[in-house]
Amino acid sequence: MAEKYKLEPSAKKDIKESVIYYEERKEGLGGEFIDEVNLKIQEIAEKPEKYPLFHKEARKASLKRFPFNSIYAIKDAFISIIGVWHKSRDPNQLEKESMMNKYCK
């Protein structure tokens, strides 16, 4: 089981953009989004192989309340959280993302 994880810059950017979006819609909603992302990351850290593979070595774990997936890869017992992507994003476009190619060969 993986013991460590890192929130990659791409994931931090995804989260920041989503927090801004939700906070503009309703005060406090951005904080609720962060709370849910943090809960999902803890679940991933506890049981990283629980969630399905969806692209090469990348796995996705759906958030419960918000229409997002946490995207991550496990390498040498280390978890890299690659992104937090809206479920509407085109999977074909995701493959072109440089972070996907960096962590999932």
PDB file of N, CA and C in Angstrom:
ATOM      1  N   MET A   1       0.841  -1.179   0.000  1.00  0.00           N
ATOM      2  CA  MET A   1       0.000   0.000   0.000  1.00  0.00           C
ATOM      3  C   MET A   1       0.888   1.245   0.000  1.00  0.00           C
ATOM      4  N   ALA A   2       0.503   2.207  -0.771  1.00  0.00           N
ATOM      5  CA  ALA A   2       1.267   3.456  -0.836  1.00  0.00           C
ATOM      6  C   ALA A   2       1.106   4.217   0.477  1.00  0.00           C
ATOM      7  N   GLU A   3       2.187   4.763   0.969  1.00  0.00           N
ATOM      8  CA  GLU A   3       2.180   5.465   2.242  1.00  0.00           C
ATOM      9  C   GLU A   3       2.220   6.979   2.072  1.00  0.00           C
ATOM     10  N   LYS A   4       2.698   7.452   0.940  1.00  0.00           N
ATOM     11  CA  LYS A   4       2.907   8.880   0.743  1.00  0.00           C
ATOM     12  C   LYS A   4       2.177   9.355  -0.506  1.00  0.00           C
ATOM     13  N   TYR A   5       1.884  10.651  -0.536  1.00  0.00           N
ATOM     14  CA  TYR A   5       1.305  11.225  -1.749  1.00  0.00           C
ATOM     15  C   TYR A   5       1.778  12.658  -1.919  1.00  0.00           C
ATOM     16  N   LYS A   6       1.664  13.112  -3.162  1.00  0.00           N
ATOM     17  CA  LYS A   6       2.009  14.494  -3.488  1.00  0.00           C
ATOM     18  C   LYS A   6       0.911  15.063  -4.367  1.00  0.00           C
ATOM     19  N   LEU A   7       0.506  16.264  -4.059  1.00  0.00           N
ATOM     20  CA  LEU A   7      -0.446  16.993  -4.886  1.00  0.00           C
ATOM     21  C   LEU A   7       0.373  17.743  -5.928  1.00  0.00           C
ATOM     22  N   GLU A   8       0.331  17.273  -7.170  1.00  0.00           N
ATOM     23  CA  GLU A   8       1.126  17.866  -8.246  1.00  0.00           C
ATOM     24  C   GLU A   8       0.629  19.280  -8.565  1.00  0.00           C
ATOM     25  N   PRO A   9       1.492  20.122  -9.133  1.00  0.00           N
ATOM     26  CA  PRO A   9       1.082  21.495  -9.486  1.00  0.00           C
ATOM     27  C   PRO A   9      -0.171  21.540 -10.361  1.00  0.00           C
ATOM     28  N   SER A  10      -0.313  20.579 -11.258  1.00  0.00           N
ATOM     29  CA  SER A  10      -1.501  20.553 -12.122  1.00  0.00           C
ATOM     30  C   SER A  10      -2.769  20.342 -11.302  1.00  0.00           C
ATOM     31  N   ALA A  11      -2.707  19.496 -10.282  1.00  0.00           N
ATOM     32  CA  ALA A  11      -3.869  19.263  -9.419  1.00  0.00           C
ATOM     33  C   ALA A  11      -4.172  20.503  -8.582  1.00  0.00           C
ATOM     34  N   LYS A  12      -3.129  21.144  -8.078  1.00  0.00           N
ATOM     35  CA  LYS A  12      -3.329  22.380  -7.311  1.00  0.00           C
ATOM     36  C   LYS A  12      -4.024  23.437  -8.160  1.00  0.00           C
ATOM     37  N   LYS A  13      -3.619  23.531  -9.422  1.00  0.00           N
ATOM     38  CA  LYS A  13      -4.233  24.496 -10.344  1.00  0.00           C
ATOM     39  C   LYS A  13      -5.704  24.152 -10.577  1.00  0.00           C
ATOM     40  N   ASP A  14      -5.989  22.865 -10.815  1.00  0.00           N
ATOM     41  CA  ASP A  14      -7.373  22.427 -11.021  1.00  0.00           C
ATOM     42  C   ASP A  14      -8.238  22.790  -9.815  1.00  0.00           C
ATOM     43  N   ILE A  15      -7.725  22.503  -8.633  1.00  0.00           N
ATOM     44  CA  ILE A  15      -8.481  22.767  -7.406  1.00  0.00           C
ATOM     45  C   ILE A  15      -8.717  24.263  -7.233  1.00  0.00           C
ATOM     46  N   LYS A  16      -7.682  25.052  -7.428  1.00  0.00           N
ATOM     47  CA  LYS A  16      -7.807  26.504  -7.272  1.00  0.00           C
ATOM     48  C   LYS A  16      -8.863  27.070  -8.218  1.00  0.00           C
ATOM     49  N   GLU A  17      -8.827  26.648  -9.481  1.00  0.00           N
ATOM     50  CA  GLU A  17      -9.804  27.141 -10.459  1.00  0.00           C
ATOM     51  C   GLU A  17     -11.223  26.757 -10.057  1.00  0.00           C
ATOM     52  N   SER A  18     -11.390  25.533  -9.562  1.00  0.00           N
ATOM     53  CA  SER A  18     -12.722  25.074  -9.168  1.00  0.00           C
ATOM     54  C   SER A  18     -13.214  25.791  -7.921  1.00  0.00           C
ATOM     55  N   VAL A  19     -12.317  26.034  -6.972  1.00  0.00           N
ATOM     56  CA  VAL A  19     -12.695  26.766  -5.761  1.00  0.00           C
ATOM     57  C   VAL A  19     -13.182  28.163  -6.133  1.00  0.00           C
ATOM     58  N   ILE A  20     -12.456  28.836  -7.002  1.00  0.00           N
ATOM     59  CA  ILE A  20     -12.861  30.176  -7.445  1.00  0.00           C
ATOM     60  C   ILE A  20     -14.240  30.119  -8.099  1.00  0.00           C
ATOM     61  N   TYR A  21     -14.435  29.147  -8.985  1.00  0.00           N
ATOM     62  CA  TYR A  21     -15.716  28.990  -9.680  1.00  0.00           C
ATOM     63  C   TYR A  21     -16.856  28.821  -8.669  1.00  0.00           C
ATOM     64  N   TYR A  22     -16.706  27.881  -7.737  1.00  0.00           N
ATOM     65  CA  TYR A  22     -17.777  27.612  -6.782  1.00  0.00           C
ATOM     66  C   TYR A  22     -17.983  28.766  -5.805  1.00  0.00           C
ATOM     67  N   GLU A  23     -16.909  29.407  -5.406  1.00  0.00           N
ATOM     68  CA  GLU A  23     -17.022  30.530  -4.464  1.00  0.00           C
ATOM     69  C   GLU A  23     -17.751  31.707  -5.114  1.00  0.00           C
ATOM     70  N   GLU A  24     -17.575  31.889  -6.425  1.00  0.00           N
ATOM     71  CA  GLU A  24     -18.294  32.948  -7.145  1.00  0.00           C
ATOM     72  C   GLU A  24     -19.787  32.653  -7.216  1.00  0.00           C
ATOM     73  N   ARG A  25     -20.157  31.388  -7.185  1.00  0.00           N
ATOM     74  CA  ARG A  25     -21.565  31.022  -7.251  1.00  0.00           C
ATOM     75  C   ARG A  25     -22.238  31.164  -5.894  1.00  0.00           C
ATOM     76  N   LYS A  26     -21.516  30.739  -4.838  1.00  0.00           N
ATOM     77  CA  LYS A  26     -22.098  30.805  -3.494  1.00  0.00           C
ATOM     78  C   LYS A  26     -20.965  30.846  -2.478  1.00  0.00           C
ATOM     79  N   GLU A  27     -20.990  31.836  -1.621  1.00  0.00           N
ATOM     80  CA  GLU A  27     -19.957  31.968  -0.593  1.00  0.00           C
ATOM     81  C   GLU A  27     -19.910  30.710   0.273  1.00  0.00           C
ATOM     82  N   GLY A  28     -18.727  30.176   0.448  1.00  0.00           N
ATOM     83  CA  GLY A  28     -18.533  28.979   1.258  1.00  0.00           C
ATOM     84  C   GLY A  28     -18.515  27.691   0.462  1.00  0.00           C
ATOM     85  N   LEU A  29     -19.055  27.726  -0.754  1.00  0.00           N
ATOM     86  CA  LEU A  29     -19.115  26.509  -1.565  1.00  0.00           C
ATOM     87  C   LEU A  29     -17.718  26.060  -2.001  1.00  0.00           C
ATOM     88  N   GLY A  30     -16.834  27.014  -2.218  1.00  0.00           N
ATOM     89  CA  GLY A  30     -15.455  26.662  -2.564  1.00  0.00           C
ATOM     90  C   GLY A  30     -14.779  25.896  -1.440  1.00  0.00           C
ATOM     91  N   GLY A  31     -15.034  26.309  -0.211  1.00  0.00           N
ATOM     92  CA  GLY A  31     -14.493  25.599   0.950  1.00  0.00           C
ATOM     93  C   GLY A  31     -15.049  24.192   1.070  1.00  0.00           C
ATOM     94  N   GLU A  32     -16.326  24.048   0.753  1.00  0.00           N
ATOM     95  CA  GLU A  32     -16.941  22.721   0.776  1.00  0.00           C
ATOM     96  C   GLU A  32     -16.312  21.821  -0.288  1.00  0.00           C
ATOM     97  N   PHE A  33     -15.996  22.408  -1.440  1.00  0.00           N
ATOM     98  CA  PHE A  33     -15.328  21.652  -2.502  1.00  0.00           C
ATOM     99  C   PHE A  33     -13.958  21.162  -2.012  1.00  0.00           C
ATOM    100  N   ILE A  34     -13.180  22.052  -1.399  1.00  0.00           N
ATOM    101  CA  ILE A  34     -11.857  21.667  -0.879  1.00  0.00           C
ATOM    102  C   ILE A  34     -11.990  20.557   0.163  1.00  0.00           C
ATOM    103  N   ASP A  35     -12.973  20.675   1.043  1.00  0.00           N
ATOM    104  CA  ASP A  35     -13.176  19.643   2.064  1.00  0.00           C
ATOM    105  C   ASP A  35     -13.418  18.283   1.421  1.00  0.00           C
ATOM    106  N   GLU A  36     -14.250  18.264   0.381  1.00  0.00           N
ATOM    107  CA  GLU A  36     -14.542  16.989  -0.273  1.00  0.00           C
ATOM    108  C   GLU A  36     -13.321  16.438  -1.004  1.00  0.00           C
ATOM    109  N   VAL A  37     -12.557  17.317  -1.647  1.00  0.00           N
ATOM    110  CA  VAL A  37     -11.324  16.873  -2.307  1.00  0.00           C
ATOM    111  C   VAL A  37     -10.375  16.270  -1.274  1.00  0.00           C
ATOM    112  N   ASN A  38     -10.219  16.932  -0.140  1.00  0.00           N
ATOM    113  CA  ASN A  38      -9.322  16.422   0.907  1.00  0.00           C
ATOM    114  C   ASN A  38      -9.767  15.065   1.434  1.00  0.00           C
ATOM    115  N   LEU A  39     -11.069  14.881   1.614  1.00  0.00           N
ATOM    116  CA  LEU A  39     -11.583  13.579   2.045  1.00  0.00           C
ATOM    117  C   LEU A  39     -11.256  12.495   1.028  1.00  0.00           C
ATOM    118  N   LYS A  40     -11.440  12.816  -0.246  1.00  0.00           N
ATOM    119  CA  LYS A  40     -11.166  11.826  -1.286  1.00  0.00           C
ATOM    120  C   LYS A  40      -9.685  11.486  -1.334  1.00  0.00           C
ATOM    121  N   ILE A  41      -8.827  12.483  -1.175  1.00  0.00           N
ATOM    122  CA  ILE A  41      -7.386  12.226  -1.179  1.00  0.00           C
ATOM    123  C   ILE A  41      -7.008  11.319  -0.005  1.00  0.00           C
ATOM    124  N   GLN A  42      -7.629  11.521   1.156  1.00  0.00           N
ATOM    125  CA  GLN A  42      -7.354  10.640   2.298  1.00  0.00           C
ATOM    126  C   GLN A  42      -7.798   9.208   2.003  1.00  0.00           C
ATOM    127  N   GLU A  43      -8.954   9.051   1.356  1.00  0.00           N
ATOM    128  CA  GLU A  43      -9.415   7.714   0.966  1.00  0.00           C
ATOM    129  C   GLU A  43      -8.425   7.071   0.004  1.00  0.00           C
ATOM    130  N   ILE A  44      -7.951   7.843  -0.952  1.00  0.00           N
ATOM    131  CA  ILE A  44      -6.968   7.338  -1.916  1.00  0.00           C
ATOM    132  C   ILE A  44      -5.694   6.912  -1.185  1.00  0.00           C
ATOM    133  N   ALA A  45      -5.231   7.727  -0.249  1.00  0.00           N
ATOM    134  CA  ALA A  45      -4.002   7.415   0.491  1.00  0.00           C
ATOM    135  C   ALA A  45      -4.154   6.131   1.306  1.00  0.00           C
ATOM    136  N   GLU A  46      -5.345   5.891   1.839  1.00  0.00           N
ATOM    137  CA  GLU A  46      -5.585   4.698   2.648  1.00  0.00           C
ATOM    138  C   GLU A  46      -5.703   3.437   1.803  1.00  0.00           C
ATOM    139  N   LYS A  47      -6.357   3.537   0.652  1.00  0.00           N
ATOM    140  CA  LYS A  47      -6.573   2.369  -0.215  1.00  0.00           C
ATOM    141  C   LYS A  47      -6.380   2.778  -1.671  1.00  0.00           C
ATOM    142  N   PRO A  48      -5.147   3.005  -2.089  1.00  0.00           N
ATOM    143  CA  PRO A  48      -4.901   3.541  -3.432  1.00  0.00           C
ATOM    144  C   PRO A  48      -5.329   2.633  -4.585  1.00  0.00           C
ATOM    145  N   GLU A  49      -5.369   1.334  -4.353  1.00  0.00           N
ATOM    146  CA  GLU A  49      -5.745   0.422  -5.441  1.00  0.00           C
ATOM    147  C   GLU A  49      -7.242   0.156  -5.489  1.00  0.00           C
ATOM    148  N   LYS A  50      -8.000   0.808  -4.631  1.00  0.00           N
ATOM    149  CA  LYS A  50      -9.456   0.645  -4.575  1.00  0.00           C
ATOM    150  C   LYS A  50     -10.135   1.151  -5.847  1.00  0.00           C
ATOM    151  N   TYR A  51      -9.588   2.200  -6.413  1.00  0.00           N
ATOM    152  CA  TYR A  51     -10.251   2.866  -7.534  1.00  0.00           C
ATOM    153  C   TYR A  51      -9.734   2.337  -8.865  1.00  0.00           C
ATOM    154  N   PRO A  52     -10.582   2.361  -9.905  1.00  0.00           N
ATOM    155  CA  PRO A  52     -10.228   1.719 -11.176  1.00  0.00           C
ATOM    156  C   PRO A  52      -9.205   2.491 -12.011  1.00  0.00           C
ATOM    157  N   LEU A  53      -8.468   1.705 -12.789  1.00  0.00           N
ATOM    158  CA  LEU A  53      -7.598   2.296 -13.800  1.00  0.00           C
ATOM    159  C   LEU A  53      -8.486   2.855 -14.897  1.00  0.00           C
ATOM    160  N   PHE A  54      -8.102   3.992 -15.459  1.00  0.00           N
ATOM    161  CA  PHE A  54      -8.874   4.506 -16.590  1.00  0.00           C
ATOM    162  C   PHE A  54      -7.988   4.914 -17.752  1.00  0.00           C
ATOM    163  N   HIS A  55      -6.697   5.070 -17.522  1.00  0.00           N
ATOM    164  CA  HIS A  55      -5.779   5.430 -18.603  1.00  0.00           C
ATOM    165  C   HIS A  55      -4.389   4.961 -18.210  1.00  0.00           C
ATOM    166  N   LYS A  56      -3.882   3.988 -18.913  1.00  0.00           N
ATOM    167  CA  LYS A  56      -2.553   3.441 -18.624  1.00  0.00           C
ATOM    168  C   LYS A  56      -2.441   3.149 -17.135  1.00  0.00           C
ATOM    169  N   GLU A  57      -1.628   3.903 -16.410  1.00  0.00           N
ATOM    170  CA  GLU A  57      -1.448   3.668 -14.977  1.00  0.00           C
ATOM    171  C   GLU A  57      -2.242   4.638 -14.105  1.00  0.00           C
ATOM    172  N   ALA A  58      -3.041   5.484 -14.719  1.00  0.00           N
ATOM    173  CA  ALA A  58      -3.818   6.468 -13.954  1.00  0.00           C
ATOM    174  C   ALA A  58      -5.113   5.847 -13.442  1.00  0.00           C
ATOM    175  N   ARG A  59      -5.486   6.263 -12.265  1.00  0.00           N
ATOM    176  CA  ARG A  59      -6.742   5.830 -11.649  1.00  0.00           C
ATOM    177  C   ARG A  59      -7.606   7.066 -11.403  1.00  0.00           C
ATOM    178  N   LYS A  60      -8.908   6.833 -11.279  1.00  0.00           N
ATOM    179  CA  LYS A  60      -9.798   7.958 -10.983  1.00  0.00           C
ATOM    180  C   LYS A  60     -10.731   7.588  -9.847  1.00  0.00           C
ATOM    181  N   ALA A  61     -10.935   8.556  -8.980  1.00  0.00           N
ATOM    182  CA  ALA A  61     -11.815   8.400  -7.832  1.00  0.00           C
ATOM    183  C   ALA A  61     -12.811   9.554  -7.850  1.00  0.00           C
ATOM    184  N   SER A  62     -14.075   9.221  -7.944  1.00  0.00           N
ATOM    185  CA  SER A  62     -15.125  10.244  -8.044  1.00  0.00           C
ATOM    186  C   SER A  62     -15.421  10.895  -6.704  1.00  0.00           C
ATOM    187  N   LEU A  63     -15.602  12.214  -6.759  1.00  0.00           N
ATOM    188  CA  LEU A  63     -16.091  12.922  -5.584  1.00  0.00           C
ATOM    189  C   LEU A  63     -17.580  12.616  -5.448  1.00  0.00           C
ATOM    190  N   LYS A  64     -18.106  12.676  -4.245  1.00  0.00           N
ATOM    191  CA  LYS A  64     -19.514  12.342  -4.031  1.00  0.00           C
ATOM    192  C   LYS A  64     -20.448  13.486  -4.388  1.00  0.00           C
ATOM    193  N   ARG A  65     -20.148  14.674  -3.930  1.00  0.00           N
ATOM    194  CA  ARG A  65     -21.077  15.791  -4.083  1.00  0.00           C
ATOM    195  C   ARG A  65     -20.857  16.599  -5.351  1.00  0.00           C
ATOM    196  N   PHE A  66     -19.629  16.692  -5.790  1.00  0.00           N
ATOM    197  CA  PHE A  66     -19.283  17.525  -6.942  1.00  0.00           C
ATOM    198  C   PHE A  66     -18.936  16.625  -8.127  1.00  0.00           C
ATOM    199  N   PRO A  67     -19.227  17.078  -9.358  1.00  0.00           N
ATOM    200  CA  PRO A  67     -18.998  16.235 -10.544  1.00  0.00           C
ATOM    201  C   PRO A  67     -17.530  16.235 -11.000  1.00  0.00           C
ATOM    202  N   PHE A  68     -16.657  15.752 -10.135  1.00  0.00           N
ATOM    203  CA  PHE A  68     -15.222  15.741 -10.398  1.00  0.00           C
ATOM    204  C   PHE A  68     -14.634  14.383 -10.075  1.00  0.00           C
ATOM    205  N   ASN A  69     -13.517  14.082 -10.725  1.00  0.00           N
ATOM    206  CA  ASN A  69     -12.710  12.908 -10.429  1.00  0.00           C
ATOM    207  C   ASN A  69     -11.338  13.358  -9.962  1.00  0.00           C
ATOM    208  N   SER A  70     -10.827  12.704  -8.934  1.00  0.00           N
ATOM    209  CA  SER A  70      -9.425  12.875  -8.556  1.00  0.00           C
ATOM    210  C   SER A  70      -8.638  11.867  -9.382  1.00  0.00           C
ATOM    211  N   ILE A  71      -7.657  12.348 -10.125  1.00  0.00           N
ATOM    212  CA  ILE A  71      -6.856  11.503 -11.004  1.00  0.00           C
ATOM    213  C   ILE A  71      -5.485  11.334 -10.364  1.00  0.00           C
ATOM    214  N   TYR A  72      -5.043  10.072 -10.265  1.00  0.00           N
ATOM    215  CA  TYR A  72      -3.766   9.821  -9.609  1.00  0.00           C
ATOM    216  C   TYR A  72      -3.078   8.596 -10.191  1.00  0.00           C
ATOM    217  N   ALA A  73      -1.796   8.492  -9.892  1.00  0.00           N
ATOM    218  CA  ALA A  73      -0.993   7.346 -10.316  1.00  0.00           C
ATOM    219  C   ALA A  73      -0.161   6.881  -9.128  1.00  0.00           C
ATOM    220  N   ILE A  74       0.103   5.583  -9.088  1.00  0.00           N
ATOM    221  CA  ILE A  74       0.924   5.003  -8.029  1.00  0.00           C
ATOM    222  C   ILE A  74       2.225   4.518  -8.662  1.00  0.00           C
ATOM    223  N   LYS A  75       3.330   4.989  -8.149  1.00  0.00           N
ATOM    224  CA  LYS A  75       4.658   4.567  -8.620  1.00  0.00           C
ATOM    225  C   LYS A  75       5.533   4.317  -7.411  1.00  0.00           C
ATOM    226  N   ASP A  76       6.063   3.111  -7.303  1.00  0.00           N
ATOM    227  CA  ASP A  76       6.989   2.779  -6.216  1.00  0.00           C
ATOM    228  C   ASP A  76       6.437   3.176  -4.849  1.00  0.00           C
ATOM    229  N   ALA A  77       5.211   2.784  -4.562  1.00  0.00           N
ATOM    230  CA  ALA A  77       4.552   3.049  -3.276  1.00  0.00           C
ATOM    231  C   ALA A  77       4.383   4.538  -2.987  1.00  0.00           C
ATOM    232  N   PHE A  78       4.320   5.347  -4.023  1.00  0.00           N
ATOM    233  CA  PHE A  78       4.120   6.788  -3.872  1.00  0.00           C
ATOM    234  C   PHE A  78       2.963   7.198  -4.766  1.00  0.00           C
ATOM    235  N   ILE A  79       2.051   7.994  -4.240  1.00  0.00           N
ATOM    236  CA  ILE A  79       0.872   8.428  -4.992  1.00  0.00           C
ATOM    237  C   ILE A  79       1.089   9.850  -5.483  1.00  0.00           C
ATOM    238  N   SER A  80       0.900  10.053  -6.771  1.00  0.00           N
ATOM    239  CA  SER A  80       0.927  11.395  -7.361  1.00  0.00           C
ATOM    240  C   SER A  80      -0.493  11.762  -7.749  1.00  0.00           C
ATOM    241  N   ILE A  81      -1.049  12.774  -7.096  1.00  0.00           N
ATOM    242  CA  ILE A  81      -2.369  13.281  -7.469  1.00  0.00           C
ATOM    243  C   ILE A  81      -2.123  14.205  -8.657  1.00  0.00           C
ATOM    244  N   ILE A  82      -2.543  13.763  -9.834  1.00  0.00           N
ATOM    245  CA  ILE A  82      -2.238  14.445 -11.091  1.00  0.00           C
ATOM    246  C   ILE A  82      -3.211  15.582 -11.369  1.00  0.00           C
ATOM    247  N   GLY A  83      -4.469  15.357 -11.051  1.00  0.00           N
ATOM    248  CA  GLY A  83      -5.463  16.372 -11.361  1.00  0.00           C
ATOM    249  C   GLY A  83      -6.771  16.124 -10.640  1.00  0.00           C
ATOM    250  N   VAL A  84      -7.609  17.126 -10.645  1.00  0.00           N
ATOM    251  CA  VAL A  84      -8.982  17.031 -10.149  1.00  0.00           C
ATOM    252  C   VAL A  84      -9.829  17.587 -11.279  1.00  0.00           C
ATOM    253  N   TRP A  85     -10.360  16.660 -12.084  1.00  0.00           N
ATOM    254  CA  TRP A  85     -10.982  17.020 -13.355  1.00  0.00           C
ATOM    255  C   TRP A  85     -12.494  16.876 -13.326  1.00  0.00           C
ATOM    256  N   HIS A  86     -13.159  17.839 -13.942  1.00  0.00           N
ATOM    257  CA  HIS A  86     -14.608  17.778 -14.096  1.00  0.00           C
ATOM    258  C   HIS A  86     -14.949  16.567 -14.958  1.00  0.00           C
ATOM    259  N   LYS A  87     -16.018  15.891 -14.613  1.00  0.00           N
ATOM    260  CA  LYS A  87     -16.400  14.665 -15.322  1.00  0.00           C
ATOM    261  C   LYS A  87     -16.784  14.904 -16.773  1.00  0.00           C
ATOM    262  N   SER A  88     -17.053  16.147 -17.149  1.00  0.00           N
ATOM    263  CA  SER A  88     -17.451  16.433 -18.531  1.00  0.00           C
ATOM    264  C   SER A  88     -16.258  16.531 -19.479  1.00  0.00           C
ATOM    265  N   ARG A  89     -15.030  16.544 -18.950  1.00  0.00           N
ATOM    266  CA  ARG A  89     -13.855  16.682 -19.818  1.00  0.00           C
ATOM    267  C   ARG A  89     -13.738  15.477 -20.736  1.00  0.00           C
ATOM    268  N   ASP A  90     -13.385  15.742 -21.971  1.00  0.00           N
ATOM    269  CA  ASP A  90     -13.253  14.717 -23.005  1.00  0.00           C
ATOM    270  C   ASP A  90     -12.066  13.808 -22.691  1.00  0.00           C
ATOM    271  N   PRO A  91     -12.297  12.493 -22.520  1.00  0.00           N
ATOM    272  CA  PRO A  91     -11.191  11.574 -22.226  1.00  0.00           C
ATOM    273  C   PRO A  91     -10.088  11.593 -23.281  1.00  0.00           C
ATOM    274  N   ASN A  92     -10.440  11.817 -24.531  1.00  0.00           N
ATOM    275  CA  ASN A  92      -9.414  11.886 -25.578  1.00  0.00           C
ATOM    276  C   ASN A  92      -8.506  13.092 -25.374  1.00  0.00           C
ATOM    277  N   GLN A  93      -9.054  14.180 -24.884  1.00  0.00           N
ATOM    278  CA  GLN A  93      -8.247  15.366 -24.598  1.00  0.00           C
ATOM    279  C   GLN A  93      -7.354  15.134 -23.389  1.00  0.00           C
ATOM    280  N   LEU A  94      -7.855  14.376 -22.430  1.00  0.00           N
ATOM    281  CA  LEU A  94      -7.078  14.114 -21.223  1.00  0.00           C
ATOM    282  C   LEU A  94      -5.771  13.399 -21.541  1.00  0.00           C
ATOM    283  N   GLU A  95      -5.797  12.515 -22.516  1.00  0.00           N
ATOM    284  CA  GLU A  95      -4.586  11.780 -22.872  1.00  0.00           C
ATOM    285  C   GLU A  95      -3.498  12.720 -23.366  1.00  0.00           C
ATOM    286  N   LYS A  96      -3.897  13.857 -23.920  1.00  0.00           N
ATOM    287  CA  LYS A  96      -2.925  14.813 -24.441  1.00  0.00           C
ATOM    288  C   LYS A  96      -2.303  15.667 -23.335  1.00  0.00           C
ATOM    289  N   GLU A  97      -2.874  15.601 -22.144  1.00  0.00           N
ATOM    290  CA  GLU A  97      -2.358  16.397 -21.030  1.00  0.00           C
ATOM    291  C   GLU A  97      -0.934  15.957 -20.707  1.00  0.00           C
ATOM    292  N   SER A  98      -0.040  16.898 -20.585  1.00  0.00           N
ATOM    293  CA  SER A  98       1.357  16.563 -20.319  1.00  0.00           C
ATOM    294  C   SER A  98       1.529  15.823 -19.000  1.00  0.00           C
ATOM    295  N   MET A  99       0.744  16.144 -17.989  1.00  0.00           N
ATOM    296  CA  MET A  99       0.883  15.462 -16.707  1.00  0.00           C
ATOM    297  C   MET A  99       0.509  13.996 -16.831  1.00  0.00           C
ATOM    298  N   MET A 100      -0.477  13.679 -17.653  1.00  0.00           N
ATOM    299  CA  MET A 100      -0.848  12.283 -17.855  1.00  0.00           C
ATOM    300  C   MET A 100       0.326  11.529 -18.449  1.00  0.00           C
ATOM    301  N   ASN A 101       0.941  12.101 -19.441  1.00  0.00           N
ATOM    302  CA  ASN A 101       2.051  11.431 -20.104  1.00  0.00           C
ATOM    303  C   ASN A 101       3.272  11.329 -19.201  1.00  0.00           C
ATOM    304  N   LYS A 102       3.445  12.281 -18.311  1.00  0.00           N
ATOM    305  CA  LYS A 102       4.593  12.263 -17.395  1.00  0.00           C
ATOM    306  C   LYS A 102       4.485  11.118 -16.397  1.00  0.00           C
ATOM    307  N   TYR A 103       3.296  10.871 -15.873  1.00  0.00           N
ATOM    308  CA  TYR A 103       3.126   9.889 -14.811  1.00  0.00           C
ATOM    309  C   TYR A 103       2.586   8.545 -15.274  1.00  0.00           C
ATOM    310  N   CYS A 104       2.056   8.472 -16.484  1.00  0.00           N
ATOM    311  CA  CYS A 104       1.401   7.253 -16.951  1.00  0.00           C
ATOM    312  C   CYS A 104       1.947   6.862 -18.310  1.00  0.00           C
ATOM    313  N   LYS A 105       2.878   5.966 -18.309  1.00  0.00           N
ATOM    314  CA  LYS A 105       3.516   5.560 -19.566  1.00  0.00           C
ATOM    315  C   LYS A 105       2.906   4.311 -20.117  1.00  0.00           C
TER     316      LYS A 105
END
